[in-house]
Amino acid sequence: MTHIFVEGDPRLEAGDSVFGVKDSLIKTFETHDANEPTPDGRSLDDSWASTRFDVVLAPEDV
């Protein structure tokens, strides 16, 4: 896995030429106002977006 995809992106409807778009890789991004601090406490001059994506590694013996 090299990246995740934004839910609702019209390019997802165009087709997946390398078969890498799995439902589990499509995420909803929440938009935040510029005056809302980022998770690490920074202030930004523009709006920003966040999502949650957990990477879980399989045990070695699987």
C-alpha atoms as a PDB file:
ATOM      1  CA  MET A   1       0.000   0.000   0.000  1.00  0.00           C
ATOM      2  CA  THR A   2       1.457   3.328  -1.017  1.00  0.00           C
ATOM      3  CA  HIS A   3      -1.411   5.730  -0.397  1.00  0.00           C
ATOM      4  CA  ILE A   4      -5.047   6.147   0.544  1.00  0.00           C
ATOM      5  CA  PHE A   5      -7.832   7.640  -1.535  1.00  0.00           C
ATOM      6  CA  VAL A   6     -10.279  10.467  -0.808  1.00  0.00           C
ATOM      7  CA  GLU A   7     -13.909   9.332  -0.652  1.00  0.00           C
ATOM      8  CA  GLY A   8     -15.973  11.060  -3.332  1.00  0.00           C
ATOM      9  CA  ASP A   9     -13.027  11.843  -5.627  1.00  0.00           C
ATOM     10  CA  PRO A  10     -14.479  11.753  -9.172  1.00  0.00           C
ATOM     11  CA  ARG A  11     -11.295  10.100 -10.453  1.00  0.00           C
ATOM     12  CA  LEU A  12     -12.238   6.974  -8.489  1.00  0.00           C
ATOM     13  CA  GLU A  13     -15.262   6.599 -10.770  1.00  0.00           C
ATOM     14  CA  ALA A  14     -13.032   6.659 -13.877  1.00  0.00           C
ATOM     15  CA  GLY A  15     -11.654   3.214 -13.121  1.00  0.00           C
ATOM     16  CA  ASP A  16      -8.647   1.673 -11.472  1.00  0.00           C
ATOM     17  CA  SER A  17      -5.957   0.793 -14.004  1.00  0.00           C
ATOM     18  CA  VAL A  18      -3.722  -1.037 -11.521  1.00  0.00           C
ATOM     19  CA  PHE A  19      -6.411  -2.587  -9.282  1.00  0.00           C
ATOM     20  CA  GLY A  20      -4.977  -0.876  -6.204  1.00  0.00           C
ATOM     21  CA  VAL A  21      -8.138   0.885  -5.028  1.00  0.00           C
ATOM     22  CA  LYS A  22      -9.682  -1.261  -2.321  1.00  0.00           C
ATOM     23  CA  ASP A  23     -12.682  -0.114  -0.270  1.00  0.00           C
ATOM     24  CA  SER A  24     -10.507  -0.233   2.852  1.00  0.00           C
ATOM     25  CA  LEU A  25      -8.182   2.371   1.273  1.00  0.00           C
ATOM     26  CA  ILE A  26     -10.950   4.915   0.553  1.00  0.00           C
ATOM     27  CA  LYS A  27     -11.282   7.319   3.485  1.00  0.00           C
ATOM     28  CA  THR A  28     -13.510  10.227   4.438  1.00  0.00           C
ATOM     29  CA  PHE A  29     -11.564  13.403   5.173  1.00  0.00           C
ATOM     30  CA  GLU A  30     -12.936  15.918   7.668  1.00  0.00           C
ATOM     31  CA  THR A  31     -12.335  19.587   6.815  1.00  0.00           C
ATOM     32  CA  HIS A  32     -11.245  21.918   9.617  1.00  0.00           C
ATOM     33  CA  ASP A  33     -11.277  25.715   9.703  1.00  0.00           C
ATOM     34  CA  ALA A  34      -8.024  27.655   9.731  1.00  0.00           C
ATOM     35  CA  ASN A  35      -8.662  28.801  13.310  1.00  0.00           C
ATOM     36  CA  GLU A  36      -8.863  25.190  14.557  1.00  0.00           C
ATOM     37  CA  PRO A  37      -5.456  23.962  15.748  1.00  0.00           C
ATOM     38  CA  THR A  38      -3.947  20.881  14.129  1.00  0.00           C
ATOM     39  CA  PRO A  39      -3.547  17.699  16.229  1.00  0.00           C
ATOM     40  CA  ASP A  40       0.009  18.741  17.059  1.00  0.00           C
ATOM     41  CA  GLY A  41      -1.155  22.209  18.142  1.00  0.00           C
ATOM     42  CA  ARG A  42      -0.030  24.261  15.147  1.00  0.00           C
ATOM     43  CA  SER A  43      -2.077  27.149  13.776  1.00  0.00           C
ATOM     44  CA  LEU A  44      -2.490  27.314  10.024  1.00  0.00           C
ATOM     45  CA  ASP A  45      -3.459  30.199   7.758  1.00  0.00           C
ATOM     46  CA  ASP A  46      -5.788  28.018   5.702  1.00  0.00           C
ATOM     47  CA  SER A  47      -8.319  25.259   6.249  1.00  0.00           C
ATOM     48  CA  TRP A  48      -6.976  21.732   6.539  1.00  0.00           C
ATOM     49  CA  ALA A  49      -8.273  18.161   6.444  1.00  0.00           C
ATOM     50  CA  SER A  50      -7.732  15.037   8.511  1.00  0.00           C
ATOM     51  CA  THR A  51      -8.595  11.365   8.401  1.00  0.00           C
ATOM     52  CA  ARG A  52      -7.719   8.278  10.395  1.00  0.00           C
ATOM     53  CA  PHE A  53      -5.929   5.322   8.855  1.00  0.00           C
ATOM     54  CA  ASP A  54      -4.518   2.566  11.025  1.00  0.00           C
ATOM     55  CA  VAL A  55      -1.738   0.393   9.652  1.00  0.00           C
ATOM     56  CA  VAL A  56      -1.765  -3.044  11.257  1.00  0.00           C
ATOM     57  CA  LEU A  57       1.116  -5.432  10.681  1.00  0.00           C
ATOM     58  CA  ALA A  58       0.493  -9.172  10.605  1.00  0.00           C
ATOM     59  CA  PRO A  59       2.518 -11.374  12.947  1.00  0.00           C
ATOM     60  CA  GLU A  60       5.557 -12.974  11.333  1.00  0.00           C
ATOM     61  CA  ASP A  61       4.100 -16.504  11.437  1.00  0.00           C
ATOM     62  CA  VAL A  62       0.979 -15.648   9.396  1.00  0.00           C
END
